[in-house]
Amino acid sequence: GYITIDGYLLNDFYIKKIRRIFSACFDNADNHFIGETVKDDLAFTLENLGYSKKEMISSINTIAKKFKLENILEESPEKLNNSEKEKVMIASSLIHKPQILLLDESIYKLNSSDKKLVFKILKEYQKEYKLTIILITHDLEDTLISDNIILLDKGKIILNDTKEKIYEDEKLEKLGFNLPFIVKLSHNLMLYNLLDKVYFDSKEVMDKLWP
Protein backbone atom coordinates (compact mmCIF):
# COMPACT_ATOMS: atom_id res chain seq x y z
CA GLY A 1 0.00 0.00 0.00
CA TYR A 2 0.95 3.64 0.26
CA ILE A 3 0.45 6.65 2.53
CA THR A 4 -0.49 10.19 1.50
CA ILE A 5 -0.33 13.16 3.86
CA ASP A 6 -2.44 16.15 2.80
CA GLY A 7 -2.28 14.82 -0.76
CA TYR A 8 1.51 14.28 -0.78
CA LEU A 9 2.81 10.77 -1.28
CA LEU A 10 5.06 9.80 1.63
CA ASN A 11 8.38 9.38 -0.16
CA ASP A 12 11.79 11.05 -0.48
CA PHE A 13 10.56 13.47 -3.15
CA TYR A 14 7.88 15.03 -0.93
CA ILE A 15 9.53 14.57 2.48
CA LYS A 16 10.50 18.25 2.90
CA LYS A 17 6.96 19.41 2.14
CA ILE A 18 5.56 16.83 4.56
CA ARG A 19 7.93 17.90 7.35
CA ARG A 20 6.50 21.43 7.15
CA ILE A 21 2.90 20.31 7.62
CA PHE A 22 3.18 17.16 9.76
CA SER A 23 4.46 16.54 13.30
CA ALA A 24 4.48 13.39 15.41
CA CYS A 25 4.93 12.62 19.11
CA PHE A 26 5.45 9.06 20.30
CA ASP A 27 5.14 7.23 23.60
CA ASN A 28 8.71 7.75 24.85
CA ALA A 29 9.56 11.42 25.24
CA ASP A 30 13.22 10.58 25.97
CA ASN A 31 13.64 9.43 22.36
CA HIS A 32 12.34 12.77 21.12
CA PHE A 33 15.09 14.96 22.59
CA ILE A 34 17.95 16.00 20.34
CA GLY A 35 19.17 19.28 21.87
CA GLU A 36 21.23 19.60 25.03
CA THR A 37 18.64 21.91 26.60
CA VAL A 38 14.91 22.49 26.30
CA LYS A 39 15.58 25.66 24.30
CA ASP A 40 17.85 23.76 21.90
CA ASP A 41 15.18 21.14 21.39
CA LEU A 42 12.52 23.77 20.64
CA ALA A 43 14.91 25.40 18.17
CA PHE A 44 15.78 22.20 16.30
CA THR A 45 12.73 22.07 14.01
CA LEU A 46 12.91 25.80 13.31
CA GLU A 47 16.58 25.59 12.35
CA ASN A 48 15.86 22.78 9.90
CA LEU A 49 13.01 24.75 8.34
CA GLY A 50 15.24 27.79 7.77
CA TYR A 51 13.81 30.22 10.33
CA SER A 52 15.86 33.34 11.00
CA LYS A 53 17.39 33.82 14.47
CA LYS A 54 14.86 36.56 15.24
CA GLU A 55 11.95 34.34 14.18
CA MET A 56 13.32 31.47 16.25
CA ILE A 57 13.62 33.56 19.42
CA SER A 58 10.10 34.89 18.97
CA SER A 59 8.62 31.42 18.34
CA ILE A 60 10.47 29.85 21.29
CA ASN A 61 9.36 32.60 23.68
CA THR A 62 5.75 32.30 22.50
CA ILE A 63 5.53 28.51 22.80
CA ALA A 64 7.41 28.50 26.12
CA LYS A 65 4.90 30.94 27.58
CA LYS A 66 1.93 28.91 26.33
CA PHE A 67 3.27 25.66 27.78
CA LYS A 68 4.70 27.31 30.93
CA LEU A 69 8.25 26.25 30.11
CA GLU A 70 9.99 29.58 30.80
CA ASN A 71 11.72 28.32 33.95
CA ILE A 72 13.19 25.19 32.35
CA LEU A 73 14.41 26.50 28.98
CA GLU A 74 18.06 26.11 30.00
CA GLU A 75 17.57 22.73 31.67
CA SER A 76 18.87 19.49 30.15
CA PRO A 77 16.28 16.78 29.34
CA GLU A 78 17.51 14.39 32.04
CA LYS A 79 16.66 16.94 34.75
CA LEU A 80 12.99 17.11 33.71
CA ASN A 81 10.20 15.02 35.18
CA ASN A 82 8.04 12.88 32.86
CA SER A 83 5.24 15.42 32.60
CA GLU A 84 7.67 18.22 31.69
CA LYS A 85 9.30 16.01 29.05
CA GLU A 86 5.97 15.34 27.37
CA LYS A 87 5.07 19.04 27.45
CA VAL A 88 8.37 19.93 25.77
CA MET A 89 7.90 17.17 23.18
CA ILE A 90 4.43 18.43 22.23
CA ALA A 91 5.55 22.08 22.31
CA SER A 92 8.46 21.37 19.95
CA SER A 93 6.07 19.55 17.60
CA LEU A 94 3.70 22.53 17.50
CA ILE A 95 6.25 25.31 17.34
CA HIS A 96 6.20 25.59 13.52
CA LYS A 97 2.37 25.44 13.40
CA PRO A 98 1.92 22.18 11.46
CA GLN A 99 -1.36 21.27 9.77
CA ILE A 100 -1.40 17.73 11.18
CA LEU A 101 -0.24 16.53 14.62
CA LEU A 102 -0.02 12.83 15.49
CA LEU A 103 0.00 12.02 19.23
CA ASP A 104 0.77 8.32 19.58
CA GLU A 105 0.25 7.39 23.27
CA SER A 106 2.20 10.55 24.08
CA ILE A 107 0.08 12.21 26.77
CA TYR A 108 -0.34 9.48 29.37
CA LYS A 109 2.59 10.71 31.53
CA LEU A 110 1.23 14.24 31.79
CA ASN A 111 0.04 15.09 35.30
CA SER A 112 -3.55 16.27 35.59
CA SER A 113 -2.80 20.02 35.50
CA ASP A 114 -0.39 19.68 32.56
CA LYS A 115 -2.86 17.51 30.64
CA LYS A 116 -5.56 20.13 31.14
CA LEU A 117 -3.17 22.82 29.88
CA VAL A 118 -2.06 20.76 26.86
CA PHE A 119 -5.65 19.94 25.85
CA LYS A 120 -6.53 23.65 26.11
CA ILE A 121 -3.59 24.58 23.84
CA LEU A 122 -4.44 21.84 21.34
CA LYS A 123 -8.00 23.14 21.08
CA GLU A 124 -6.66 26.67 20.51
CA TYR A 125 -4.33 25.50 17.73
CA GLN A 126 -7.10 23.43 16.19
CA LYS A 127 -9.33 26.46 16.00
CA GLU A 128 -6.77 29.13 15.12
CA TYR A 129 -4.55 27.21 12.68
CA LYS A 130 -7.06 24.55 11.50
CA LEU A 131 -4.84 21.88 13.06
CA THR A 132 -5.87 18.26 12.53
CA ILE A 133 -5.03 16.20 15.63
CA ILE A 134 -4.79 12.41 15.52
CA LEU A 135 -4.74 11.13 19.10
CA ILE A 136 -3.94 7.45 19.60
CA THR A 137 -4.91 6.33 23.10
CA HIS A 138 -6.19 3.42 25.18
CA ASP A 139 -7.76 5.79 27.73
CA LEU A 140 -11.32 6.64 26.71
CA GLU A 141 -11.30 9.67 29.03
CA ASP A 142 -8.96 11.29 26.49
CA THR A 143 -11.52 10.86 23.71
CA LEU A 144 -13.88 13.34 25.37
CA ILE A 145 -12.07 16.23 23.67
CA SER A 146 -12.30 14.62 20.23
CA ASP A 147 -14.72 15.27 17.39
CA ASN A 148 -14.53 11.81 15.83
CA ILE A 149 -13.53 8.42 17.18
CA ILE A 150 -12.10 5.48 15.24
CA LEU A 151 -11.84 2.13 17.02
CA LEU A 152 -9.22 -0.26 15.64
CA ASP A 153 -8.85 -3.96 16.36
CA LYS A 154 -5.85 -5.74 14.85
CA GLY A 155 -5.61 -3.16 12.09
CA LYS A 156 -9.29 -3.24 11.19
CA ILE A 157 -11.75 -0.38 11.74
CA ILE A 158 -14.52 -1.54 14.09
CA LEU A 159 -16.21 1.82 14.70
CA ASN A 160 -15.82 5.15 12.93
CA ASP A 161 -18.20 7.98 13.80
CA THR A 162 -18.66 11.24 15.66
CA LYS A 163 -18.10 11.26 19.41
CA GLU A 164 -21.80 11.85 19.93
CA LYS A 165 -22.81 8.86 17.81
CA ILE A 166 -20.21 6.56 19.36
CA TYR A 167 -21.32 7.33 22.90
CA GLU A 168 -25.08 7.59 22.38
CA ASP A 169 -25.44 3.88 23.20
CA GLU A 170 -23.32 1.22 24.88
CA LYS A 171 -21.40 -0.08 21.84
CA LEU A 172 -17.99 0.41 23.43
CA GLU A 173 -19.06 -1.08 26.74
CA LYS A 174 -20.31 -4.19 24.94
CA LEU A 175 -16.87 -4.46 23.34
CA GLY A 176 -15.26 -4.55 26.80
CA PHE A 177 -14.27 -0.89 27.26
CA ASN A 178 -14.82 1.11 30.42
CA LEU A 179 -16.77 4.21 29.43
CA PRO A 180 -15.64 7.62 30.68
CA PHE A 181 -17.30 8.53 33.98
CA ILE A 182 -19.36 11.42 32.58
CA VAL A 183 -20.68 9.20 29.77
CA LYS A 184 -21.69 6.47 32.23
CA LEU A 185 -23.38 9.06 34.42
CA SER A 186 -25.24 10.46 31.42
CA HIS A 187 -26.54 7.01 30.46
CA ASN A 188 -27.71 6.34 34.02
CA LEU A 189 -29.48 9.69 34.32
CA MET A 190 -31.13 9.19 30.93
CA LEU A 191 -32.77 6.06 32.35
CA TYR A 192 -34.57 8.30 34.84
CA ASN A 193 -35.35 10.93 32.19
CA LEU A 194 -33.14 13.43 33.98
CA LEU A 195 -31.02 13.94 30.86
CA ASP A 196 -32.02 13.75 27.21
CA LYS A 197 -28.60 13.02 25.74
CA VAL A 198 -25.02 12.06 26.57
CA TYR A 199 -22.91 14.88 27.95
CA PHE A 200 -19.12 15.18 27.85
CA ASP A 201 -18.59 17.94 30.38
CA SER A 202 -19.51 17.76 34.08
CA LYS A 203 -20.33 21.47 34.23
CA GLU A 204 -22.89 21.07 31.45
CA VAL A 205 -24.51 18.22 33.38
CA MET A 206 -24.68 20.34 36.53
CA ASP A 207 -26.20 23.24 34.59
CA LYS A 208 -28.78 20.91 33.06
CA LEU A 209 -29.78 19.34 36.39
CA TRP A 210 -29.71 22.56 38.40
CA PRO A 211 -30.34 25.45 35.96
C-alpha atoms as a PDB file:
ATOM      1  CA  GLY A   1       0.000   0.000   0.000  1.00  0.00           C
ATOM      2  CA  TYR A   2       0.955   3.641   0.261  1.00  0.00           C
ATOM      3  CA  ILE A   3       0.445   6.649   2.526  1.00  0.00           C
ATOM      4  CA  THR A   4      -0.486  10.186   1.502  1.00  0.00           C
ATOM      5  CA  ILE A   5      -0.334  13.162   3.857  1.00  0.00           C
ATOM      6  CA  ASP A   6      -2.444  16.147   2.798  1.00  0.00           C
ATOM      7  CA  GLY A   7      -2.277  14.825  -0.762  1.00  0.00           C
ATOM      8  CA  TYR A   8       1.505  14.282  -0.781  1.00  0.00           C
ATOM      9  CA  LEU A   9       2.808  10.771  -1.281  1.00  0.00           C
ATOM     10  CA  LEU A  10       5.060   9.795   1.633  1.00  0.00           C
ATOM     11  CA  ASN A  11       8.382   9.381  -0.159  1.00  0.00           C
ATOM     12  CA  ASP A  12      11.794  11.048  -0.478  1.00  0.00           C
ATOM     13  CA  PHE A  13      10.565  13.467  -3.146  1.00  0.00           C
ATOM     14  CA  TYR A  14       7.885  15.030  -0.927  1.00  0.00           C
ATOM     15  CA  ILE A  15       9.527  14.566   2.477  1.00  0.00           C
ATOM     16  CA  LYS A  16      10.501  18.254   2.901  1.00  0.00           C
ATOM     17  CA  LYS A  17       6.956  19.409   2.139  1.00  0.00           C
ATOM     18  CA  ILE A  18       5.558  16.835   4.564  1.00  0.00           C
ATOM     19  CA  ARG A  19       7.935  17.902   7.352  1.00  0.00           C
ATOM     20  CA  ARG A  20       6.496  21.430   7.149  1.00  0.00           C
ATOM     21  CA  ILE A  21       2.904  20.306   7.620  1.00  0.00           C
ATOM     22  CA  PHE A  22       3.184  17.163   9.760  1.00  0.00           C
ATOM     23  CA  SER A  23       4.456  16.543  13.302  1.00  0.00           C
ATOM     24  CA  ALA A  24       4.480  13.395  15.406  1.00  0.00           C
ATOM     25  CA  CYS A  25       4.933  12.623  19.112  1.00  0.00           C
ATOM     26  CA  PHE A  26       5.449   9.062  20.298  1.00  0.00           C
ATOM     27  CA  ASP A  27       5.136   7.225  23.604  1.00  0.00           C
ATOM     28  CA  ASN A  28       8.707   7.747  24.849  1.00  0.00           C
ATOM     29  CA  ALA A  29       9.563  11.417  25.240  1.00  0.00           C
ATOM     30  CA  ASP A  30      13.224  10.580  25.973  1.00  0.00           C
ATOM     31  CA  ASN A  31      13.643   9.429  22.360  1.00  0.00           C
ATOM     32  CA  HIS A  32      12.336  12.771  21.123  1.00  0.00           C
ATOM     33  CA  PHE A  33      15.087  14.963  22.593  1.00  0.00           C
ATOM     34  CA  ILE A  34      17.946  16.002  20.342  1.00  0.00           C
ATOM     35  CA  GLY A  35      19.173  19.281  21.868  1.00  0.00           C
ATOM     36  CA  GLU A  36      21.228  19.599  25.033  1.00  0.00           C
ATOM     37  CA  THR A  37      18.643  21.908  26.601  1.00  0.00           C
ATOM     38  CA  VAL A  38      14.909  22.495  26.300  1.00  0.00           C
ATOM     39  CA  LYS A  39      15.583  25.661  24.302  1.00  0.00           C
ATOM     40  CA  ASP A  40      17.855  23.755  21.899  1.00  0.00           C
ATOM     41  CA  ASP A  41      15.176  21.144  21.386  1.00  0.00           C
ATOM     42  CA  LEU A  42      12.524  23.769  20.637  1.00  0.00           C
ATOM     43  CA  ALA A  43      14.907  25.404  18.166  1.00  0.00           C
ATOM     44  CA  PHE A  44      15.776  22.201  16.301  1.00  0.00           C
ATOM     45  CA  THR A  45      12.733  22.075  14.010  1.00  0.00           C
ATOM     46  CA  LEU A  46      12.906  25.805  13.306  1.00  0.00           C
ATOM     47  CA  GLU A  47      16.576  25.588  12.351  1.00  0.00           C
ATOM     48  CA  ASN A  48      15.856  22.779   9.900  1.00  0.00           C
ATOM     49  CA  LEU A  49      13.006  24.752   8.339  1.00  0.00           C
ATOM     50  CA  GLY A  50      15.243  27.790   7.772  1.00  0.00           C
ATOM     51  CA  TYR A  51      13.806  30.219  10.328  1.00  0.00           C
ATOM     52  CA  SER A  52      15.863  33.341  10.998  1.00  0.00           C
ATOM     53  CA  LYS A  53      17.393  33.822  14.469  1.00  0.00           C
ATOM     54  CA  LYS A  54      14.858  36.564  15.240  1.00  0.00           C
ATOM     55  CA  GLU A  55      11.946  34.342  14.181  1.00  0.00           C
ATOM     56  CA  MET A  56      13.319  31.466  16.249  1.00  0.00           C
ATOM     57  CA  ILE A  57      13.625  33.557  19.417  1.00  0.00           C
ATOM     58  CA  SER A  58      10.097  34.887  18.970  1.00  0.00           C
ATOM     59  CA  SER A  59       8.618  31.416  18.339  1.00  0.00           C
ATOM     60  CA  ILE A  60      10.467  29.851  21.290  1.00  0.00           C
ATOM     61  CA  ASN A  61       9.361  32.597  23.678  1.00  0.00           C
ATOM     62  CA  THR A  62       5.745  32.297  22.502  1.00  0.00           C
ATOM     63  CA  ILE A  63       5.526  28.508  22.801  1.00  0.00           C
ATOM     64  CA  ALA A  64       7.410  28.498  26.125  1.00  0.00           C
ATOM     65  CA  LYS A  65       4.903  30.944  27.577  1.00  0.00           C
ATOM     66  CA  LYS A  66       1.926  28.913  26.328  1.00  0.00           C
ATOM     67  CA  PHE A  67       3.272  25.658  27.782  1.00  0.00           C
ATOM     68  CA  LYS A  68       4.702  27.305  30.930  1.00  0.00           C
ATOM     69  CA  LEU A  69       8.255  26.250  30.105  1.00  0.00           C
ATOM     70  CA  GLU A  70       9.987  29.581  30.801  1.00  0.00           C
ATOM     71  CA  ASN A  71      11.717  28.319  33.949  1.00  0.00           C
ATOM     72  CA  ILE A  72      13.187  25.193  32.346  1.00  0.00           C
ATOM     73  CA  LEU A  73      14.409  26.498  28.978  1.00  0.00           C
ATOM     74  CA  GLU A  74      18.063  26.114  30.004  1.00  0.00           C
ATOM     75  CA  GLU A  75      17.565  22.727  31.667  1.00  0.00           C
ATOM     76  CA  SER A  76      18.873  19.491  30.150  1.00  0.00           C
ATOM     77  CA  PRO A  77      16.279  16.785  29.344  1.00  0.00           C
ATOM     78  CA  GLU A  78      17.509  14.386  32.041  1.00  0.00           C
ATOM     79  CA  LYS A  79      16.656  16.938  34.747  1.00  0.00           C
ATOM     80  CA  LEU A  80      12.985  17.113  33.712  1.00  0.00           C
ATOM     81  CA  ASN A  81      10.196  15.023  35.175  1.00  0.00           C
ATOM     82  CA  ASN A  82       8.043  12.881  32.857  1.00  0.00           C
ATOM     83  CA  SER A  83       5.243  15.425  32.600  1.00  0.00           C
ATOM     84  CA  GLU A  84       7.675  18.218  31.691  1.00  0.00           C
ATOM     85  CA  LYS A  85       9.304  16.011  29.048  1.00  0.00           C
ATOM     86  CA  GLU A  86       5.965  15.343  27.371  1.00  0.00           C
ATOM     87  CA  LYS A  87       5.068  19.042  27.445  1.00  0.00           C
ATOM     88  CA  VAL A  88       8.370  19.926  25.771  1.00  0.00           C
ATOM     89  CA  MET A  89       7.897  17.170  23.180  1.00  0.00           C
ATOM     90  CA  ILE A  90       4.433  18.433  22.233  1.00  0.00           C
ATOM     91  CA  ALA A  91       5.552  22.075  22.306  1.00  0.00           C
ATOM     92  CA  SER A  92       8.457  21.373  19.946  1.00  0.00           C
ATOM     93  CA  SER A  93       6.067  19.546  17.601  1.00  0.00           C
ATOM     94  CA  LEU A  94       3.698  22.529  17.501  1.00  0.00           C
ATOM     95  CA  ILE A  95       6.249  25.315  17.344  1.00  0.00           C
ATOM     96  CA  HIS A  96       6.204  25.588  13.522  1.00  0.00           C
ATOM     97  CA  LYS A  97       2.371  25.442  13.402  1.00  0.00           C
ATOM     98  CA  PRO A  98       1.922  22.178  11.455  1.00  0.00           C
ATOM     99  CA  GLN A  99      -1.356  21.271   9.772  1.00  0.00           C
ATOM    100  CA  ILE A 100      -1.400  17.728  11.185  1.00  0.00           C
ATOM    101  CA  LEU A 101      -0.243  16.531  14.619  1.00  0.00           C
ATOM    102  CA  LEU A 102      -0.023  12.827  15.494  1.00  0.00           C
ATOM    103  CA  LEU A 103       0.002  12.021  19.232  1.00  0.00           C
ATOM    104  CA  ASP A 104       0.767   8.322  19.581  1.00  0.00           C
ATOM    105  CA  GLU A 105       0.246   7.393  23.270  1.00  0.00           C
ATOM    106  CA  SER A 106       2.199  10.554  24.078  1.00  0.00           C
ATOM    107  CA  ILE A 107       0.076  12.207  26.766  1.00  0.00           C
ATOM    108  CA  TYR A 108      -0.337   9.478  29.370  1.00  0.00           C
ATOM    109  CA  LYS A 109       2.586  10.706  31.530  1.00  0.00           C
ATOM    110  CA  LEU A 110       1.225  14.236  31.792  1.00  0.00           C
ATOM    111  CA  ASN A 111       0.043  15.092  35.296  1.00  0.00           C
ATOM    112  CA  SER A 112      -3.552  16.273  35.593  1.00  0.00           C
ATOM    113  CA  SER A 113      -2.800  20.017  35.497  1.00  0.00           C
ATOM    114  CA  ASP A 114      -0.390  19.681  32.563  1.00  0.00           C
ATOM    115  CA  LYS A 115      -2.862  17.512  30.639  1.00  0.00           C
ATOM    116  CA  LYS A 116      -5.560  20.131  31.140  1.00  0.00           C
ATOM    117  CA  LEU A 117      -3.174  22.824  29.875  1.00  0.00           C
ATOM    118  CA  VAL A 118      -2.060  20.756  26.861  1.00  0.00           C
ATOM    119  CA  PHE A 119      -5.655  19.941  25.846  1.00  0.00           C
ATOM    120  CA  LYS A 120      -6.527  23.652  26.109  1.00  0.00           C
ATOM    121  CA  ILE A 121      -3.592  24.580  23.844  1.00  0.00           C
ATOM    122  CA  LEU A 122      -4.437  21.838  21.342  1.00  0.00           C
ATOM    123  CA  LYS A 123      -7.999  23.135  21.084  1.00  0.00           C
ATOM    124  CA  GLU A 124      -6.664  26.667  20.515  1.00  0.00           C
ATOM    125  CA  TYR A 125      -4.329  25.505  17.733  1.00  0.00           C
ATOM    126  CA  GLN A 126      -7.103  23.426  16.194  1.00  0.00           C
ATOM    127  CA  LYS A 127      -9.332  26.459  15.999  1.00  0.00           C
ATOM    128  CA  GLU A 128      -6.772  29.132  15.117  1.00  0.00           C
ATOM    129  CA  TYR A 129      -4.555  27.207  12.680  1.00  0.00           C
ATOM    130  CA  LYS A 130      -7.058  24.552  11.502  1.00  0.00           C
ATOM    131  CA  LEU A 131      -4.843  21.883  13.055  1.00  0.00           C
ATOM    132  CA  THR A 132      -5.873  18.263  12.533  1.00  0.00           C
ATOM    133  CA  ILE A 133      -5.031  16.196  15.631  1.00  0.00           C
ATOM    134  CA  ILE A 134      -4.793  12.409  15.516  1.00  0.00           C
ATOM    135  CA  LEU A 135      -4.740  11.131  19.096  1.00  0.00           C
ATOM    136  CA  ILE A 136      -3.938   7.450  19.604  1.00  0.00           C
ATOM    137  CA  THR A 137      -4.907   6.331  23.097  1.00  0.00           C
ATOM    138  CA  HIS A 138      -6.187   3.423  25.178  1.00  0.00           C
ATOM    139  CA  ASP A 139      -7.761   5.788  27.729  1.00  0.00           C
ATOM    140  CA  LEU A 140     -11.318   6.644  26.710  1.00  0.00           C
ATOM    141  CA  GLU A 141     -11.298   9.673  29.027  1.00  0.00           C
ATOM    142  CA  ASP A 142      -8.955  11.287  26.487  1.00  0.00           C
ATOM    143  CA  THR A 143     -11.521  10.856  23.708  1.00  0.00           C
ATOM    144  CA  LEU A 144     -13.885  13.342  25.367  1.00  0.00           C
ATOM    145  CA  ILE A 145     -12.066  16.228  23.670  1.00  0.00           C
ATOM    146  CA  SER A 146     -12.296  14.624  20.229  1.00  0.00           C
ATOM    147  CA  ASP A 147     -14.722  15.267  17.388  1.00  0.00           C
ATOM    148  CA  ASN A 148     -14.534  11.810  15.828  1.00  0.00           C
ATOM    149  CA  ILE A 149     -13.528   8.423  17.178  1.00  0.00           C
ATOM    150  CA  ILE A 150     -12.098   5.481  15.245  1.00  0.00           C
ATOM    151  CA  LEU A 151     -11.836   2.130  17.023  1.00  0.00           C
ATOM    152  CA  LEU A 152      -9.218  -0.255  15.639  1.00  0.00           C
ATOM    153  CA  ASP A 153      -8.852  -3.955  16.359  1.00  0.00           C
ATOM    154  CA  LYS A 154      -5.850  -5.745  14.851  1.00  0.00           C
ATOM    155  CA  GLY A 155      -5.612  -3.162  12.090  1.00  0.00           C
ATOM    156  CA  LYS A 156      -9.295  -3.236  11.192  1.00  0.00           C
ATOM    157  CA  ILE A 157     -11.746  -0.379  11.745  1.00  0.00           C
ATOM    158  CA  ILE A 158     -14.516  -1.541  14.093  1.00  0.00           C
ATOM    159  CA  LEU A 159     -16.207   1.815  14.695  1.00  0.00           C
ATOM    160  CA  ASN A 160     -15.825   5.154  12.933  1.00  0.00           C
ATOM    161  CA  ASP A 161     -18.204   7.979  13.799  1.00  0.00           C
ATOM    162  CA  THR A 162     -18.658  11.240  15.658  1.00  0.00           C
ATOM    163  CA  LYS A 163     -18.101  11.258  19.408  1.00  0.00           C
ATOM    164  CA  GLU A 164     -21.800  11.853  19.932  1.00  0.00           C
ATOM    165  CA  LYS A 165     -22.808   8.859  17.805  1.00  0.00           C
ATOM    166  CA  ILE A 166     -20.213   6.559  19.358  1.00  0.00           C
ATOM    167  CA  TYR A 167     -21.316   7.334  22.899  1.00  0.00           C
ATOM    168  CA  GLU A 168     -25.083   7.591  22.381  1.00  0.00           C
ATOM    169  CA  ASP A 169     -25.441   3.880  23.199  1.00  0.00           C
ATOM    170  CA  GLU A 170     -23.321   1.222  24.878  1.00  0.00           C
ATOM    171  CA  LYS A 171     -21.400  -0.078  21.840  1.00  0.00           C
ATOM    172  CA  LEU A 172     -17.987   0.409  23.434  1.00  0.00           C
ATOM    173  CA  GLU A 173     -19.063  -1.075  26.745  1.00  0.00           C
ATOM    174  CA  LYS A 174     -20.308  -4.189  24.941  1.00  0.00           C
ATOM    175  CA  LEU A 175     -16.870  -4.464  23.343  1.00  0.00           C
ATOM    176  CA  GLY A 176     -15.261  -4.553  26.801  1.00  0.00           C
ATOM    177  CA  PHE A 177     -14.267  -0.895  27.260  1.00  0.00           C
ATOM    178  CA  ASN A 178     -14.822   1.109  30.420  1.00  0.00           C
ATOM    179  CA  LEU A 179     -16.771   4.207  29.431  1.00  0.00           C
ATOM    180  CA  PRO A 180     -15.642   7.623  30.681  1.00  0.00           C
ATOM    181  CA  PHE A 181     -17.305   8.526  33.983  1.00  0.00           C
ATOM    182  CA  ILE A 182     -19.358  11.425  32.584  1.00  0.00           C
ATOM    183  CA  VAL A 183     -20.676   9.205  29.768  1.00  0.00           C
ATOM    184  CA  LYS A 184     -21.695   6.467  32.226  1.00  0.00           C
ATOM    185  CA  LEU A 185     -23.384   9.065  34.416  1.00  0.00           C
ATOM    186  CA  SER A 186     -25.245  10.460  31.417  1.00  0.00           C
ATOM    187  CA  HIS A 187     -26.540   7.010  30.461  1.00  0.00           C
ATOM    188  CA  ASN A 188     -27.708   6.341  34.019  1.00  0.00           C
ATOM    189  CA  LEU A 189     -29.482   9.695  34.322  1.00  0.00           C
ATOM    190  CA  MET A 190     -31.126   9.192  30.930  1.00  0.00           C
ATOM    191  CA  LEU A 191     -32.769   6.055  32.347  1.00  0.00           C
ATOM    192  CA  TYR A 192     -34.566   8.301  34.841  1.00  0.00           C
ATOM    193  CA  ASN A 193     -35.354  10.925  32.185  1.00  0.00           C
ATOM    194  CA  LEU A 194     -33.136  13.434  33.979  1.00  0.00           C
ATOM    195  CA  LEU A 195     -31.022  13.936  30.859  1.00  0.00           C
ATOM    196  CA  ASP A 196     -32.017  13.751  27.213  1.00  0.00           C
ATOM    197  CA  LYS A 197     -28.604  13.019  25.736  1.00  0.00           C
ATOM    198  CA  VAL A 198     -25.024  12.056  26.569  1.00  0.00           C
ATOM    199  CA  TYR A 199     -22.912  14.884  27.948  1.00  0.00           C
ATOM    200  CA  PHE A 200     -19.119  15.184  27.850  1.00  0.00           C
ATOM    201  CA  ASP A 201     -18.592  17.943  30.377  1.00  0.00           C
ATOM    202  CA  SER A 202     -19.505  17.759  34.077  1.00  0.00           C
ATOM    203  CA  LYS A 203     -20.331  21.472  34.229  1.00  0.00           C
ATOM    204  CA  GLU A 204     -22.890  21.069  31.447  1.00  0.00           C
ATOM    205  CA  VAL A 205     -24.509  18.221  33.381  1.00  0.00           C
ATOM    206  CA  MET A 206     -24.678  20.340  36.531  1.00  0.00           C
ATOM    207  CA  ASP A 207     -26.198  23.244  34.586  1.00  0.00           C
ATOM    208  CA  LYS A 208     -28.779  20.908  33.062  1.00  0.00           C
ATOM    209  CA  LEU A 209     -29.779  19.337  36.385  1.00  0.00           C
ATOM    210  CA  TRP A 210     -29.714  22.558  38.399  1.00  0.00           C
ATOM    211  CA  PRO A 211     -30.336  25.445  35.957  1.00  0.00           C
END
